[in-house]
Amino acid sequence: MKTLDKNKLEEMAILSIALLTASNSCISGVLVFMQKDLAISRQMAEFLITLSSIATIIAIALSEKITKKIGMKKCVQIGLLLVFVSGLLPVIRKTYISIFLSRIILGTGIGLFNGHSANYISALYSGEKASSLHGMRNSMEFIGQILFLILAGLLIKIKWELAFLVYLIAFFILVLFTKYVEDPIEEKDDDRFILNRQVVFYILFAGVMIMNLTGLTVRFPTIATMAKGIDINAAVGTVVKAAAEGKVEEVSSNTTDGTFVVIAHANGLKTKYANLSEDVKVAVGDVVSAGTEIGTVGNTSGIFTSKLCGDVLNVQVEDVNGKDVDPSAYFIAK
């Protein structure tokens, strides 16, 4: 019975490594808060999130050589320890440099043990048992993604930097792994690391897949946070009219809204018409009535493009306190 328990714990320890292999971007929800608190651009914030994936790709390329030098178990242990440390740095010191280092350390750690969960299964098991464990390992990657995203989301509600604490789970995996998993005995072979075309292809392929997934994950929080008001489906060139009488307060453009017009109304509300074409029909200071043409639907937003969202007019409403309110009660598409 004791032997059976130990075997199960060994399997659990090996499979638990896979929980972390896809966790690079699980804290991408902090991106918007990090951008604001650290006073950095969106591009710099997204780079910090993506940085760990770059480090992972490099570490994966070097992990075979490192494993041959120190053994598979030590390689996994060092990787798990690095992941644990990466979760502490942003909490200890909330600066750009500490987060920068944290992301490099995280990616390096994940890269060191990325393939070893599968390697351990192949080295220690065979037949149907190995096939079953490989299937479970794949499932553990998705479970890890979901688990860490949920935990990070809960921690962000307290303080955004606490989201990095999800990586402290690596410590418990390290303890479990160290206690119950032995270093597999490998046959001695040529210690030279041969970088042939096939190895280069797999490294590049893995890099493209990791970066593609990371890019999609990183961009989503920004888009979700920036999305305000409602989008009204309307072809480019459709005339846009003021919803009510008011005074034009702002005519401008930015990456998110594209060309936009803000109208202040007597009841304290402000309406914003975004993604207009550049040939706006009104100017700051103009007094408009309900139905006054202010411009036409365009494709000027750099984020909510026609390719992504279709042809739309984005409309927003702010109350007297500057808070966003549901615009649907004020706008009727005609």
Protein backbone atom coordinates (compact mmCIF):
# COMPACT_ATOMS: atom_id res chain seq x y z
CA MET A 1 0.00 0.00 0.00
CA LYS A 2 2.84 2.36 0.86
CA THR A 3 4.54 1.59 -2.46
CA LEU A 4 1.29 2.30 -4.29
CA ASP A 5 0.93 5.63 -2.48
CA LYS A 6 4.48 6.59 -3.34
CA ASN A 7 3.94 5.74 -7.00
CA LYS A 8 0.82 7.87 -7.09
CA LEU A 9 2.64 10.76 -5.48
CA GLU A 10 5.43 10.39 -8.03
CA GLU A 11 2.91 10.58 -10.87
CA MET A 12 1.25 13.59 -9.25
CA ALA A 13 4.58 15.37 -8.86
CA ILE A 14 5.53 14.77 -12.50
CA LEU A 15 2.14 15.89 -13.78
CA SER A 16 2.12 18.98 -11.55
CA ILE A 17 5.06 20.40 -13.53
CA ALA A 18 2.71 20.75 -16.51
CA LEU A 19 0.50 23.13 -14.50
CA LEU A 20 3.13 25.83 -15.00
CA THR A 21 4.23 25.25 -18.59
CA ALA A 22 1.53 27.49 -20.09
CA SER A 23 1.42 30.09 -17.31
CA ASN A 24 3.57 32.78 -18.93
CA SER A 25 0.74 35.19 -19.63
CA CYS A 26 -1.72 34.30 -16.87
CA ILE A 27 -1.13 37.69 -15.22
CA SER A 28 -1.84 39.65 -18.41
CA GLY A 29 -4.81 41.22 -16.61
CA VAL A 30 -2.38 43.48 -14.72
CA LEU A 31 -1.28 45.14 -17.97
CA VAL A 32 -3.62 48.13 -17.80
CA PHE A 33 -2.96 48.76 -14.09
CA MET A 34 0.78 48.38 -14.56
CA GLN A 35 0.71 50.85 -17.43
CA LYS A 36 -1.01 53.44 -15.25
CA ASP A 37 0.94 52.96 -11.99
CA LEU A 38 4.37 52.72 -13.60
CA ALA A 39 3.62 55.54 -16.07
CA ILE A 40 4.70 53.49 -19.07
CA SER A 41 3.28 53.17 -22.57
CA ARG A 42 0.98 50.36 -23.63
CA GLN A 43 3.75 48.96 -25.82
CA MET A 44 6.19 48.84 -22.89
CA ALA A 45 3.61 47.16 -20.66
CA GLU A 46 2.81 44.55 -23.31
CA PHE A 47 6.53 43.96 -23.83
CA LEU A 48 6.91 43.11 -20.15
CA ILE A 49 4.22 40.46 -20.43
CA THR A 50 5.70 39.07 -23.67
CA LEU A 51 9.28 39.10 -22.36
CA SER A 52 8.86 35.87 -20.41
CA SER A 53 7.87 34.01 -23.58
CA ILE A 54 11.05 35.19 -25.30
CA ALA A 55 13.09 33.95 -22.32
CA THR A 56 11.22 30.64 -22.44
CA ILE A 57 12.12 30.07 -26.09
CA ILE A 58 15.81 30.69 -25.38
CA ALA A 59 15.77 28.44 -22.29
CA ILE A 60 14.05 25.63 -24.21
CA ALA A 61 16.84 25.78 -26.80
CA LEU A 62 19.48 25.47 -24.05
CA SER A 63 17.68 23.05 -21.72
CA GLU A 64 18.97 19.88 -23.41
CA LYS A 65 22.58 20.96 -22.98
CA ILE A 66 21.95 22.00 -19.36
CA THR A 67 20.16 18.72 -18.61
CA LYS A 68 23.12 16.71 -19.87
CA LYS A 69 25.43 18.65 -17.55
CA ILE A 70 23.41 18.61 -14.31
CA GLY A 71 20.71 15.98 -14.82
CA MET A 72 16.98 16.21 -15.48
CA LYS A 73 15.91 16.48 -11.85
CA LYS A 74 18.20 19.40 -11.02
CA CYS A 75 17.15 21.14 -14.23
CA VAL A 76 13.49 20.91 -13.19
CA GLN A 77 14.30 21.97 -9.61
CA ILE A 78 16.20 25.06 -10.75
CA GLY A 79 13.38 25.94 -13.13
CA LEU A 80 10.73 25.65 -10.41
CA LEU A 81 12.85 27.71 -8.01
CA LEU A 82 13.22 30.46 -10.62
CA VAL A 83 9.44 30.55 -11.17
CA PHE A 84 8.95 30.87 -7.41
CA VAL A 85 11.43 33.77 -7.19
CA SER A 86 9.77 35.51 -10.15
CA GLY A 87 6.53 35.68 -8.19
CA LEU A 88 8.16 37.49 -5.28
CA LEU A 89 10.09 40.28 -7.03
CA PRO A 90 7.14 42.48 -8.19
CA VAL A 91 5.55 42.23 -4.73
CA ILE A 92 8.75 43.14 -2.88
CA ARG A 93 9.47 46.08 -5.18
CA LYS A 94 6.86 47.45 -7.58
CA THR A 95 9.13 48.97 -10.24
CA TYR A 96 9.66 48.51 -13.94
CA ILE A 97 13.10 46.97 -13.38
CA SER A 98 11.88 44.42 -10.84
CA ILE A 99 9.03 43.33 -13.11
CA PHE A 100 11.43 43.23 -16.07
CA LEU A 101 13.75 40.88 -14.14
CA SER A 102 10.80 38.88 -12.85
CA ARG A 103 9.57 38.17 -16.38
CA ILE A 104 13.02 37.08 -17.59
CA ILE A 105 13.44 34.80 -14.55
CA LEU A 106 9.95 33.35 -15.03
CA GLY A 107 10.49 32.59 -18.71
CA THR A 108 13.89 31.04 -18.06
CA GLY A 109 12.47 28.83 -15.32
CA ILE A 110 9.56 27.60 -17.44
CA GLY A 111 11.90 26.96 -20.36
CA LEU A 112 14.15 24.76 -18.22
CA PHE A 113 11.39 22.30 -17.30
CA ASN A 114 8.99 22.88 -20.20
CA GLY A 115 9.59 19.52 -21.85
CA HIS A 116 10.67 17.51 -18.84
CA SER A 117 7.20 16.59 -17.65
CA ALA A 118 6.84 14.62 -20.89
CA ASN A 119 10.46 13.42 -20.72
CA TYR A 120 9.97 12.02 -17.23
CA ILE A 121 6.89 10.08 -18.33
CA SER A 122 8.78 8.61 -21.28
CA ALA A 123 11.77 7.73 -19.09
CA LEU A 124 9.91 6.15 -16.17
CA TYR A 125 6.80 4.61 -17.75
CA SER A 126 5.88 2.62 -20.83
CA GLY A 127 2.91 1.19 -22.67
CA GLU A 128 -0.64 2.16 -21.74
CA LYS A 129 0.54 3.79 -18.50
CA ALA A 130 2.77 6.20 -20.38
CA SER A 131 0.02 7.00 -22.91
CA SER A 132 -2.44 7.66 -20.10
CA LEU A 133 -0.02 9.97 -18.27
CA HIS A 134 0.80 11.89 -21.46
CA GLY A 135 -2.90 12.53 -21.94
CA MET A 136 -3.25 13.67 -18.35
CA ARG A 137 -0.21 15.92 -18.76
CA ASN A 138 -1.87 17.73 -21.68
CA SER A 139 -4.96 18.23 -19.56
CA MET A 140 -2.87 19.61 -16.70
CA GLU A 141 -1.57 22.40 -18.95
CA PHE A 142 -5.12 23.64 -19.61
CA ILE A 143 -6.11 23.17 -15.96
CA GLY A 144 -3.07 25.24 -14.97
CA GLN A 145 -4.03 28.03 -17.35
CA ILE A 146 -7.57 28.21 -16.00
CA LEU A 147 -6.46 27.92 -12.36
CA PHE A 148 -3.82 30.64 -12.59
CA LEU A 149 -6.09 33.00 -14.54
CA ILE A 150 -8.79 32.68 -11.87
CA LEU A 151 -6.33 33.15 -8.98
CA ALA A 152 -4.64 36.09 -10.69
CA GLY A 153 -8.01 37.72 -11.31
CA LEU A 154 -8.96 37.41 -7.65
CA LEU A 155 -5.62 38.85 -6.51
CA ILE A 156 -5.83 41.78 -8.94
CA LYS A 157 -8.97 42.92 -7.13
CA ILE A 158 -6.87 43.40 -3.99
CA LYS A 159 -3.71 44.87 -5.57
CA TRP A 160 -2.56 44.29 -9.12
CA GLU A 161 1.01 43.39 -8.12
CA LEU A 162 -0.32 40.54 -5.93
CA ALA A 163 -1.33 38.71 -9.12
CA PHE A 164 2.33 37.65 -9.46
CA LEU A 165 1.96 35.61 -6.28
CA VAL A 166 0.24 32.87 -8.30
CA TYR A 167 3.75 31.73 -9.25
CA LEU A 168 4.48 30.87 -5.60
CA ILE A 169 2.63 27.62 -6.30
CA ALA A 170 5.92 26.56 -7.89
CA PHE A 171 7.36 26.17 -4.38
CA PHE A 172 4.83 23.49 -3.41
CA ILE A 173 5.40 21.70 -6.72
CA LEU A 174 9.15 21.87 -6.05
CA VAL A 175 8.75 20.28 -2.60
CA LEU A 176 6.52 17.52 -3.98
CA PHE A 177 8.82 16.89 -6.93
CA THR A 178 12.00 16.85 -4.84
CA LYS A 179 10.59 14.36 -2.36
CA TYR A 180 8.94 11.84 -4.64
CA VAL A 181 10.67 11.95 -8.04
CA GLU A 182 14.08 10.45 -8.71
CA ASP A 183 16.51 11.45 -11.43
CA PRO A 184 16.11 8.92 -14.27
CA ILE A 185 19.22 6.97 -15.17
CA GLU A 186 20.23 7.79 -18.72
CA GLU A 187 22.73 6.01 -20.90
CA LYS A 188 25.89 7.97 -21.52
CA ASP A 189 26.15 9.27 -25.04
CA ASP A 190 28.01 11.87 -27.02
CA ASP A 191 27.81 15.07 -25.00
CA ARG A 192 28.03 17.31 -28.01
CA PHE A 193 25.01 19.50 -28.71
CA ILE A 194 24.20 19.26 -32.42
CA LEU A 195 22.14 22.16 -33.74
CA ASN A 196 20.88 20.73 -37.03
CA ARG A 197 18.11 21.95 -39.31
CA GLN A 198 15.46 19.84 -37.61
CA VAL A 199 16.31 21.25 -34.16
CA VAL A 200 16.28 24.80 -35.53
CA PHE A 201 12.89 24.17 -37.16
CA TYR A 202 11.33 22.87 -33.94
CA ILE A 203 12.76 25.78 -31.94
CA LEU A 204 11.42 28.32 -34.42
CA PHE A 205 8.07 26.56 -34.64
CA ALA A 206 7.73 26.46 -30.86
CA GLY A 207 8.75 30.12 -30.71
CA VAL A 208 6.11 31.17 -33.23
CA MET A 209 3.37 29.23 -31.44
CA ILE A 210 4.32 30.59 -28.02
CA MET A 211 4.60 34.19 -29.24
CA ASN A 212 1.35 33.96 -31.19
CA LEU A 213 -0.59 32.70 -28.17
CA THR A 214 1.07 35.25 -25.90
CA GLY A 215 0.32 38.09 -28.31
CA LEU A 216 -3.38 37.25 -28.36
CA THR A 217 -3.54 36.87 -24.59
CA VAL A 218 -1.64 40.10 -23.93
CA ARG A 219 -3.73 42.24 -26.26
CA PHE A 220 -7.09 41.10 -24.89
CA PRO A 221 -6.99 42.93 -21.50
CA THR A 222 -6.10 46.19 -23.26
CA ILE A 223 -8.96 45.87 -25.74
CA ALA A 224 -11.41 44.80 -23.04
CA THR A 225 -10.47 47.74 -20.81
CA MET A 226 -10.50 50.32 -23.59
CA ALA A 227 -13.88 49.25 -24.94
CA LYS A 228 -16.45 51.82 -23.81
CA GLY A 229 -20.00 52.67 -24.77
CA ILE A 230 -21.72 50.71 -27.53
CA ASP A 231 -20.96 50.02 -31.16
CA ILE A 232 -23.68 50.71 -33.71
CA ASN A 233 -23.29 48.83 -36.97
CA ALA A 234 -23.14 51.38 -39.76
CA ALA A 235 -21.34 51.42 -43.09
CA VAL A 236 -18.41 53.75 -43.57
CA GLY A 237 -19.78 57.05 -44.89
CA THR A 238 -23.08 56.86 -42.98
CA VAL A 239 -24.12 60.30 -41.70
CA VAL A 240 -23.81 60.76 -37.91
CA LYS A 241 -26.17 63.22 -36.20
CA ALA A 242 -26.19 64.73 -32.72
CA ALA A 243 -28.56 62.96 -30.32
CA ALA A 244 -29.60 66.15 -28.55
CA GLU A 245 -28.97 69.88 -28.37
CA GLY A 246 -25.61 70.89 -26.93
CA LYS A 247 -22.26 72.52 -27.45
CA VAL A 248 -19.27 70.88 -29.10
CA GLU A 249 -16.65 70.55 -26.38
CA GLU A 250 -13.92 68.58 -28.15
CA VAL A 251 -12.96 67.47 -31.64
CA SER A 252 -9.86 65.30 -31.64
CA SER A 253 -8.43 61.85 -32.35
CA ASN A 254 -6.45 59.10 -30.63
CA THR A 255 -5.45 55.51 -31.25
CA THR A 256 -8.39 53.99 -29.38
CA ASP A 257 -11.31 56.20 -30.48
CA GLY A 258 -9.99 57.37 -33.82
CA THR A 259 -11.53 60.70 -34.79
CA PHE A 260 -14.19 61.71 -32.27
CA VAL A 261 -16.53 64.53 -31.24
CA VAL A 262 -17.67 65.29 -27.68
CA ILE A 263 -20.86 67.30 -27.12
CA ALA A 264 -21.80 68.74 -23.70
CA HIS A 265 -25.55 68.95 -23.00
CA ALA A 266 -27.58 71.17 -20.69
CA ASN A 267 -28.53 68.29 -18.38
CA GLY A 268 -24.86 67.67 -17.56
CA LEU A 269 -24.47 64.67 -19.82
CA LYS A 270 -21.74 64.43 -22.43
CA THR A 271 -22.03 62.37 -25.59
CA LYS A 272 -19.03 61.09 -27.52
CA TYR A 273 -19.13 59.95 -31.14
CA ALA A 274 -16.02 57.92 -32.03
CA ASN A 275 -14.54 56.22 -35.09
CA LEU A 276 -15.69 59.08 -37.32
CA SER A 277 -14.10 59.89 -40.64
CA GLU A 278 -11.58 62.73 -40.56
CA ASP A 279 -13.87 65.23 -42.34
CA VAL A 280 -15.81 66.27 -39.22
CA LYS A 281 -18.59 68.80 -39.90
CA VAL A 282 -18.43 70.69 -36.58
CA ALA A 283 -15.79 72.56 -34.58
CA VAL A 284 -15.17 73.23 -30.89
CA GLY A 285 -17.64 75.84 -29.63
CA ASP A 286 -20.37 75.11 -32.18
CA VAL A 287 -23.89 74.87 -30.82
CA VAL A 288 -25.79 71.94 -32.33
CA SER A 289 -29.39 70.80 -32.26
CA ALA A 290 -30.78 67.28 -32.18
CA GLY A 291 -30.26 65.90 -35.65
CA THR A 292 -27.40 68.22 -36.63
CA GLU A 293 -24.89 66.40 -38.84
CA ILE A 294 -21.54 66.16 -37.06
CA GLY A 295 -19.71 63.83 -39.43
CA THR A 296 -19.77 60.38 -41.01
CA VAL A 297 -18.80 56.88 -39.88
CA GLY A 298 -15.14 56.18 -40.59
CA ASN A 299 -12.45 53.60 -39.89
CA THR A 300 -10.02 55.74 -37.91
CA SER A 301 -9.68 53.73 -34.68
CA GLY A 302 -6.29 52.06 -34.49
CA ILE A 303 -7.60 49.26 -32.23
CA PHE A 304 -11.29 48.74 -33.02
CA THR A 305 -10.73 48.53 -36.76
CA SER A 306 -13.25 47.47 -39.41
CA LYS A 307 -11.27 44.26 -39.84
CA LEU A 308 -11.72 43.43 -36.15
CA CYS A 309 -15.17 44.88 -35.36
CA GLY A 310 -16.74 45.58 -38.72
CA ASP A 311 -17.94 49.04 -39.76
CA VAL A 312 -19.25 50.68 -36.59
CA LEU A 313 -19.94 53.99 -34.92
CA ASN A 314 -18.85 53.96 -31.28
CA VAL A 315 -20.99 56.10 -28.99
CA GLN A 316 -20.39 56.86 -25.32
CA VAL A 317 -22.24 58.81 -22.64
CA GLU A 318 -20.82 60.34 -19.44
CA ASP A 319 -22.94 61.56 -16.53
CA VAL A 320 -22.33 64.73 -14.52
CA ASN A 321 -19.71 62.90 -12.44
CA GLY A 322 -17.74 61.81 -15.50
CA LYS A 323 -18.80 58.17 -15.18
CA ASP A 324 -19.72 56.08 -18.20
CA VAL A 325 -23.41 55.22 -18.48
CA ASP A 326 -25.30 52.98 -20.87
CA PRO A 327 -25.78 54.94 -24.12
CA SER A 328 -28.55 52.70 -25.47
CA ALA A 329 -31.25 54.90 -23.92
CA TYR A 330 -29.97 57.97 -25.77
CA PHE A 331 -29.13 56.65 -29.23
CA ILE A 332 -31.33 55.21 -31.95
CA ALA A 333 -29.66 53.98 -35.14
CA LYS A 334 -31.51 55.15 -38.24
